[in-house]
Amino acid sequence: MIDHAADLIGAYDTDRASRILVVDDNIPNVRLLTTVLNRAGYDDVLATTRGKDVLRVYEVERPDIILLDLHMPDANGWVLTQQLRELCDEPYLPIIVVTGDDSAEARTHCLRAGASDFVTKPFDPSEITLRVRNLLEIRRLHLALARENRTLEERVRERTEALTASRIEVLDRLAAATEIRDDVTGQHTRRVGALAGDLALRLGTSDPVAELVRRTAPLHDIGKIAIPDQILRKPGPLTPEEFDVIKTHTTIGASILAGGDNALIVTAERIALTHHERWDGSGYPRGLAGHAIPLEGRIVAVADFYDALVHDRPYRAALDPEVVLTMIKQRSGTQFDSQVATAMLDMAHDKSRVRKLPLE
């Protein structure tokens, strides 16, 4: 009879690499099942007669299918089935309950607990091998589908990252081109990005959040592309009307970045819109106050203020860094979030920082 089962299963495309776990407190039953499976072409058969060891064996050996006795002195089959289902982190783990209890109650309990199949003893070797073969094929299909899904997800992630990177590169180049009109070196946007990222870390944000701020802060003045040169590069003081035009770079920048579907563009839009808002509500364009101003906007407000004042601009010479730091301290709690201002002052005088603040 066993030889017949081996001949029968040999006619199918058997997955000989599959690992099978047999659980039964009766040693002759274990030997019989192992022999049937070996002769059917399954060479990797593990076995235990101790139900309480099943979860540990599963975690260590990771079998592809489990043949589980229902009634054992130290474990209940359907409880073990339920525990295996809770423990399993794979797409599909087939569990065949092999038992001498052919009652409807036993079958219902097992299937409800998550058993894939139910075989009564004494079993037909042909039947058991075919059920194993069929369930392993279902497992193979589940795993293949999971692999394909992971591959597709990875491709989507890579394409999304590539698309995001290309968008940011275009926006960075646009921001740099805009900045050259207002900064001879064109480095202001990059310096603000680096300083804003450091400030975010100093304030206790996670590395991914700080990196997001670092990458998006350079776009804060992208709206200046729409400001006429005679205003943007005017060497003297601006009239109230001209300053009103300058202020529109916040809303223009936000409109350029509006409608983004990823965190980079959304964050860049918030920064462009809010980096001239003030803690006390006297800023522009919306007069937001306190925590109504997004954190990234509050951070860039300080970073932009510092970098703009310690470098030459078309309309004024650079100020001494210590003078600018004093100005930030004086404006803490009014123009600037006091926590961000304090972080800036601490960074400026923290000699233990790996990358020193560019005070020159």
Protein backbone atom coordinates (compact mmCIF):
# COMPACT_ATOMS: atom_id res chain seq x y z
CA MET A 1 0.00 0.00 0.00
CA ILE A 2 2.84 2.37 0.83
CA ASP A 3 4.59 1.49 -2.40
CA HIS A 4 1.37 2.27 -4.26
CA ALA A 5 1.25 5.70 -2.62
CA ALA A 6 4.83 6.38 -3.65
CA ASP A 7 4.08 5.38 -7.23
CA LEU A 8 0.97 7.55 -7.26
CA ILE A 9 2.60 10.67 -5.87
CA GLY A 10 5.60 10.17 -8.14
CA ALA A 11 3.35 10.94 -11.08
CA TYR A 12 3.03 14.51 -9.83
CA ASP A 13 5.52 17.34 -9.72
CA THR A 14 6.45 16.85 -6.06
CA ASP A 15 8.21 19.68 -4.22
CA ARG A 16 11.05 17.54 -2.83
CA ALA A 17 12.68 20.51 -1.05
CA SER A 18 9.70 21.02 1.23
CA ARG A 19 10.22 20.62 4.98
CA ILE A 20 7.48 18.70 6.78
CA LEU A 21 6.87 18.57 10.53
CA VAL A 22 5.04 15.54 11.96
CA VAL A 23 3.59 15.91 15.47
CA ASP A 24 2.15 12.85 17.19
CA ASP A 25 2.67 11.43 20.69
CA ASN A 26 2.45 7.89 19.27
CA ILE A 27 5.88 6.82 17.97
CA PRO A 28 4.54 4.14 15.54
CA ASN A 29 2.27 6.79 13.97
CA VAL A 30 5.26 9.10 13.57
CA ARG A 31 7.30 6.33 11.93
CA LEU A 32 4.44 5.43 9.58
CA LEU A 33 3.88 9.01 8.46
CA THR A 34 7.60 9.59 8.03
CA THR A 35 7.94 6.45 5.91
CA VAL A 36 4.95 7.37 3.75
CA LEU A 37 6.31 10.85 3.16
CA ASN A 38 9.87 9.68 2.50
CA ARG A 39 8.69 7.17 -0.08
CA ALA A 40 6.60 9.89 -1.70
CA GLY A 41 9.78 11.86 -2.28
CA TYR A 42 9.79 14.12 0.78
CA ASP A 43 13.20 13.68 2.33
CA ASP A 44 13.15 16.56 4.82
CA VAL A 45 10.72 15.25 7.43
CA LEU A 46 11.03 16.38 11.05
CA ALA A 47 9.08 14.85 13.92
CA THR A 48 8.29 15.40 17.57
CA THR A 49 6.19 13.45 20.04
CA ARG A 50 5.92 16.40 22.43
CA GLY A 51 3.09 18.80 21.66
CA LYS A 52 4.53 21.46 23.96
CA ASP A 53 7.63 21.65 21.72
CA VAL A 54 5.72 22.40 18.52
CA LEU A 55 5.86 26.22 18.68
CA ARG A 56 9.58 26.22 19.43
CA VAL A 57 10.30 23.71 16.66
CA TYR A 58 8.23 25.78 14.23
CA GLU A 59 10.15 28.97 15.02
CA VAL A 60 13.53 27.24 14.66
CA GLU A 61 12.88 24.93 11.70
CA ARG A 62 10.21 26.84 9.75
CA PRO A 63 8.48 23.81 8.16
CA ASP A 64 6.45 24.22 4.99
CA ILE A 65 3.60 22.08 6.29
CA ILE A 66 2.63 20.52 9.63
CA LEU A 67 0.85 17.21 10.22
CA LEU A 68 -0.61 17.51 13.71
CA ASP A 69 -2.23 14.97 16.00
CA LEU A 70 -5.35 16.26 17.73
CA HIS A 71 -5.26 14.59 21.16
CA MET A 72 -1.91 14.51 22.95
CA PRO A 73 -1.20 14.24 26.69
CA ASP A 74 0.63 17.56 26.90
CA ALA A 75 -1.18 19.61 24.25
CA ASN A 76 -4.52 20.14 22.54
CA GLY A 77 -4.37 19.98 18.75
CA TRP A 78 -6.81 22.74 17.98
CA VAL A 79 -5.25 25.04 20.58
CA LEU A 80 -1.85 24.39 18.97
CA THR A 81 -3.36 25.12 15.57
CA GLN A 82 -4.66 28.46 16.79
CA GLN A 83 -1.31 29.31 18.40
CA LEU A 84 0.55 28.43 15.21
CA ARG A 85 -1.75 30.69 13.23
CA GLU A 86 -1.06 33.56 15.62
CA LEU A 87 2.68 32.92 15.52
CA CYS A 88 2.95 32.44 11.77
CA ASP A 89 4.21 35.47 9.83
CA GLU A 90 4.17 33.75 6.44
CA PRO A 91 1.59 34.16 3.66
CA TYR A 92 0.32 30.59 4.10
CA LEU A 93 1.23 27.69 6.42
CA PRO A 94 -0.79 24.51 5.76
CA ILE A 95 -1.73 22.48 8.84
CA ILE A 96 -3.26 19.02 8.45
CA VAL A 97 -4.88 17.59 11.58
CA VAL A 98 -4.39 13.81 11.60
CA THR A 99 -6.55 12.18 14.29
CA GLY A 100 -8.54 9.15 15.27
CA ASP A 101 -11.38 11.42 16.44
CA ASP A 102 -13.79 11.59 13.51
CA SER A 103 -16.52 13.47 15.37
CA ALA A 104 -18.17 16.50 13.80
CA GLU A 105 -17.22 18.52 16.89
CA ALA A 106 -13.51 17.74 16.46
CA ARG A 107 -13.59 18.62 12.77
CA THR A 108 -15.44 21.89 13.44
CA HIS A 109 -13.08 22.89 16.27
CA CYS A 110 -10.01 22.25 14.13
CA LEU A 111 -11.24 24.06 11.04
CA ARG A 112 -12.41 26.98 13.15
CA ALA A 113 -8.96 27.15 14.79
CA GLY A 114 -7.35 27.43 11.36
CA ALA A 115 -6.57 23.91 10.21
CA SER A 116 -6.18 23.59 6.44
CA ASP A 117 -7.36 19.98 6.28
CA PHE A 118 -8.61 17.13 8.47
CA VAL A 119 -7.61 13.48 8.02
CA THR A 120 -8.87 10.63 10.21
CA LYS A 121 -6.89 7.60 11.33
CA PRO A 122 -6.33 5.03 10.05
CA PHE A 123 -5.45 7.04 6.96
CA ASP A 124 -4.90 5.92 3.39
CA PRO A 125 -1.25 6.70 2.46
CA SER A 126 -2.37 7.67 -1.03
CA GLU A 127 -4.80 10.18 0.41
CA ILE A 128 -2.35 11.68 2.90
CA THR A 129 0.39 12.16 0.30
CA LEU A 130 -1.99 13.73 -2.18
CA ARG A 131 -3.34 16.12 0.45
CA VAL A 132 0.21 17.05 1.40
CA ARG A 133 1.10 17.56 -2.24
CA ASN A 134 -1.96 19.74 -2.90
CA LEU A 135 -1.47 21.90 0.18
CA LEU A 136 2.23 22.37 -0.58
CA GLU A 137 1.28 23.50 -4.07
CA ILE A 138 -1.12 26.03 -2.58
CA ARG A 139 1.67 27.20 -0.27
CA ARG A 140 4.05 27.49 -3.23
CA LEU A 141 1.52 29.64 -5.08
CA HIS A 142 0.99 31.84 -2.01
CA LEU A 143 4.74 32.32 -1.60
CA ALA A 144 5.19 33.01 -5.31
CA LEU A 145 2.43 35.60 -5.17
CA ALA A 146 4.01 37.18 -2.08
CA ARG A 147 7.40 37.33 -3.83
CA GLU A 148 5.82 38.87 -6.90
CA ASN A 149 4.03 41.43 -4.74
CA ARG A 150 7.29 42.30 -2.99
CA THR A 151 8.99 42.67 -6.36
CA LEU A 152 6.22 44.93 -7.61
CA GLU A 153 6.29 46.97 -4.40
CA GLU A 154 10.06 47.35 -4.71
CA ARG A 155 9.74 48.47 -8.33
CA VAL A 156 7.04 50.96 -7.40
CA ARG A 157 9.18 52.23 -4.51
CA GLU A 158 12.23 52.59 -6.76
CA ARG A 159 10.24 54.39 -9.44
CA THR A 160 8.59 56.62 -6.84
CA GLU A 161 11.97 57.49 -5.35
CA ALA A 162 13.40 58.16 -8.81
CA LEU A 163 10.45 60.37 -9.68
CA THR A 164 10.69 62.21 -6.37
CA ALA A 165 14.44 62.67 -6.81
CA SER A 166 13.98 64.04 -10.31
CA ARG A 167 11.28 66.43 -9.10
CA ILE A 168 13.47 67.65 -6.26
CA GLU A 169 16.43 68.04 -8.59
CA VAL A 170 14.37 70.19 -10.94
CA LEU A 171 13.05 72.25 -8.04
CA ASP A 172 16.54 72.56 -6.52
CA ARG A 173 17.91 73.84 -9.79
CA LEU A 174 15.02 76.25 -10.09
CA ALA A 175 15.58 77.43 -6.51
CA ALA A 176 19.31 77.85 -7.16
CA ALA A 177 18.63 79.80 -10.35
CA THR A 178 16.23 82.01 -8.44
CA GLU A 179 18.69 82.51 -5.59
CA ILE A 180 21.46 83.64 -7.91
CA ARG A 181 19.35 86.70 -8.61
CA ASP A 182 19.47 87.56 -4.90
CA ASP A 183 22.80 86.00 -3.87
CA VAL A 184 25.99 86.28 -5.90
CA THR A 185 27.22 82.82 -4.88
CA GLY A 186 23.87 81.05 -5.13
CA GLN A 187 24.76 79.06 -1.98
CA HIS A 188 22.22 80.60 0.39
CA THR A 189 19.57 77.94 -0.26
CA ARG A 190 22.00 75.08 0.41
CA ARG A 191 23.31 76.66 3.58
CA VAL A 192 19.78 77.21 4.86
CA GLY A 193 18.96 73.57 4.12
CA ALA A 194 21.99 72.28 6.05
CA LEU A 195 21.38 74.61 8.99
CA ALA A 196 17.66 73.81 9.12
CA GLY A 197 18.41 70.08 9.15
CA ASP A 198 20.83 70.55 12.06
CA LEU A 199 18.28 72.62 13.93
CA ALA A 200 15.65 69.94 13.45
CA LEU A 201 17.98 67.34 14.97
CA ARG A 202 18.84 69.70 17.83
CA LEU A 203 15.14 70.02 18.56
CA GLY A 204 14.84 66.26 18.92
CA THR A 205 13.18 65.27 15.65
CA SER A 206 13.93 61.87 14.17
CA ASP A 207 16.64 61.48 11.55
CA PRO A 208 14.09 61.01 8.72
CA VAL A 209 12.25 64.21 9.72
CA ALA A 210 15.50 66.17 9.97
CA GLU A 211 16.54 64.86 6.55
CA LEU A 212 13.16 65.88 5.14
CA VAL A 213 13.69 69.43 6.46
CA ARG A 214 17.25 69.50 5.13
CA ARG A 215 16.14 68.51 1.64
CA THR A 216 13.13 70.80 1.43
CA ALA A 217 14.36 73.96 3.18
CA PRO A 218 16.41 75.05 0.10
CA LEU A 219 13.10 75.61 -1.69
CA HIS A 220 11.92 78.22 0.80
CA ASP A 221 12.44 81.18 -1.56
CA ILE A 222 11.44 79.51 -4.81
CA GLY A 223 8.65 82.07 -5.23
CA LYS A 224 11.26 84.81 -5.80
CA ILE A 225 11.44 83.68 -9.40
CA ALA A 226 8.35 85.84 -9.98
CA ILE A 227 9.71 88.96 -8.25
CA PRO A 228 11.02 91.65 -10.67
CA ASP A 229 14.77 92.33 -10.56
CA GLN A 230 14.28 96.04 -9.91
CA ILE A 231 12.66 95.12 -6.60
CA LEU A 232 14.58 91.97 -5.70
CA ARG A 233 17.99 93.50 -6.36
CA LYS A 234 17.20 97.03 -5.31
CA PRO A 235 20.28 98.40 -3.44
CA GLY A 236 18.32 100.74 -1.18
CA PRO A 237 15.28 100.45 1.13
CA LEU A 238 12.04 99.16 -0.35
CA THR A 239 8.89 101.25 -0.46
CA PRO A 240 5.79 99.77 1.25
CA GLU A 241 4.43 98.91 -2.18
CA GLU A 242 7.64 97.14 -3.17
CA PHE A 243 7.73 95.23 0.09
CA ASP A 244 4.18 94.05 -0.58
CA VAL A 245 5.45 92.61 -3.87
CA ILE A 246 8.36 90.91 -2.09
CA LYS A 247 5.96 89.30 0.36
CA THR A 248 4.14 87.55 -2.45
CA HIS A 249 7.09 85.19 -2.93
CA THR A 250 5.67 83.07 -0.10
CA THR A 251 2.30 82.45 -1.73
CA ILE A 252 3.85 82.18 -5.20
CA GLY A 253 6.31 79.59 -3.93
CA ALA A 254 3.52 77.64 -2.27
CA SER A 255 1.47 77.71 -5.47
CA ILE A 256 4.45 76.39 -7.46
CA LEU A 257 4.75 73.48 -5.05
CA ALA A 258 1.02 72.94 -4.48
CA GLY A 259 -0.68 69.65 -5.24
CA GLY A 260 2.25 67.41 -4.35
CA ASP A 261 1.51 63.80 -3.46
CA ASN A 262 4.58 63.02 -1.36
CA ALA A 263 6.12 64.27 1.87
CA LEU A 264 8.96 66.16 0.17
CA ILE A 265 6.77 68.37 -1.96
CA VAL A 266 4.15 68.85 0.77
CA THR A 267 6.81 69.87 3.30
CA ALA A 268 8.51 72.18 0.80
CA GLU A 269 5.14 73.84 0.13
CA ARG A 270 4.58 74.46 3.86
CA ILE A 271 8.07 75.92 4.26
CA ALA A 272 7.70 78.22 1.25
CA LEU A 273 4.40 79.49 2.60
CA THR A 274 5.22 79.91 6.30
CA HIS A 275 8.93 80.73 6.70
CA HIS A 276 8.10 84.46 7.12
CA GLU A 277 5.36 83.91 9.69
CA ARG A 278 6.23 85.17 13.19
CA TRP A 279 5.66 83.57 16.55
CA ASP A 280 3.61 86.57 17.75
CA GLY A 281 1.38 86.55 14.66
CA SER A 282 2.82 89.67 13.00
CA GLY A 283 4.35 87.85 10.05
CA TYR A 284 3.08 87.11 6.55
CA PRO A 285 1.30 85.98 4.44
CA ARG A 286 -1.40 84.68 6.84
CA GLY A 287 -0.46 86.16 10.20
CA LEU A 288 -0.18 82.73 11.81
CA ALA A 289 1.01 82.62 15.42
CA GLY A 290 2.63 80.11 17.78
CA HIS A 291 2.21 76.43 17.02
CA ALA A 292 -0.20 77.23 14.19
CA ILE A 293 3.02 77.78 12.22
CA PRO A 294 4.38 74.38 11.13
CA LEU A 295 7.59 73.39 12.90
CA GLU A 296 9.53 73.29 9.64
CA GLY A 297 8.42 76.85 8.91
CA ARG A 298 9.59 77.99 12.37
CA ILE A 299 12.94 76.27 11.87
CA VAL A 300 13.58 77.76 8.44
CA ALA A 301 12.60 81.22 9.72
CA VAL A 302 15.61 81.17 12.06
CA ALA A 303 17.99 79.47 9.62
CA ASP A 304 17.07 81.88 6.81
CA PHE A 305 17.36 84.93 9.07
CA TYR A 306 20.81 83.92 10.31
CA ASP A 307 22.28 82.99 6.94
CA ALA A 308 20.86 85.99 5.11
CA LEU A 309 22.33 88.44 7.63
CA VAL A 310 25.83 86.97 7.96
CA HIS A 311 26.39 87.08 4.19
CA ASP A 312 26.55 90.00 1.76
CA ARG A 313 23.36 90.85 -0.11
CA PRO A 314 22.86 93.31 -2.99
CA TYR A 315 21.21 95.81 -0.63
CA ARG A 316 23.55 95.52 2.42
CA ALA A 317 26.83 94.18 3.74
CA ALA A 318 27.13 91.10 5.94
CA LEU A 319 26.74 91.50 9.70
CA ASP A 320 28.98 89.98 12.34
CA PRO A 321 27.65 86.52 13.31
CA GLU A 322 27.62 87.36 17.02
CA VAL A 323 25.50 90.42 16.27
CA VAL A 324 23.01 88.25 14.38
CA LEU A 325 22.89 85.71 17.21
CA THR A 326 22.15 88.53 19.63
CA MET A 327 19.31 89.65 17.36
CA ILE A 328 17.89 86.12 17.36
CA LYS A 329 18.05 86.01 21.16
CA GLN A 330 16.29 89.38 21.41
CA ARG A 331 13.53 88.26 19.05
CA SER A 332 12.98 84.91 20.77
CA GLY A 333 9.32 84.59 21.71
CA THR A 334 8.24 87.39 19.38
CA GLN A 335 9.56 86.88 15.87
CA PHE A 336 10.93 83.39 16.52
CA ASP A 337 9.82 80.28 18.39
CA SER A 338 11.87 80.46 21.60
CA GLN A 339 12.74 76.75 21.41
CA VAL A 340 14.11 77.11 17.88
CA ALA A 341 15.97 80.29 18.81
CA THR A 342 17.52 78.57 21.83
CA ALA A 343 18.56 75.60 19.68
CA MET A 344 20.23 78.02 17.27
CA LEU A 345 22.13 79.78 20.03
CA ASP A 346 23.17 76.50 21.62
CA MET A 347 24.43 75.16 18.29
CA ALA A 348 26.38 78.32 17.59
CA HIS A 349 28.33 78.05 20.83
CA ASP A 350 28.53 74.26 21.17
CA LYS A 351 32.18 73.54 20.51
CA SER A 352 31.56 69.79 20.64
CA ARG A 353 29.55 69.70 17.41
CA VAL A 354 31.15 67.61 14.71
CA ARG A 355 30.18 70.09 12.03
CA LYS A 356 30.59 73.60 13.39
CA LEU A 357 28.06 76.27 12.58
CA PRO A 358 29.44 78.52 9.82
CA LEU A 359 29.90 81.67 11.87
CA GLU A 360 32.21 83.23 9.30
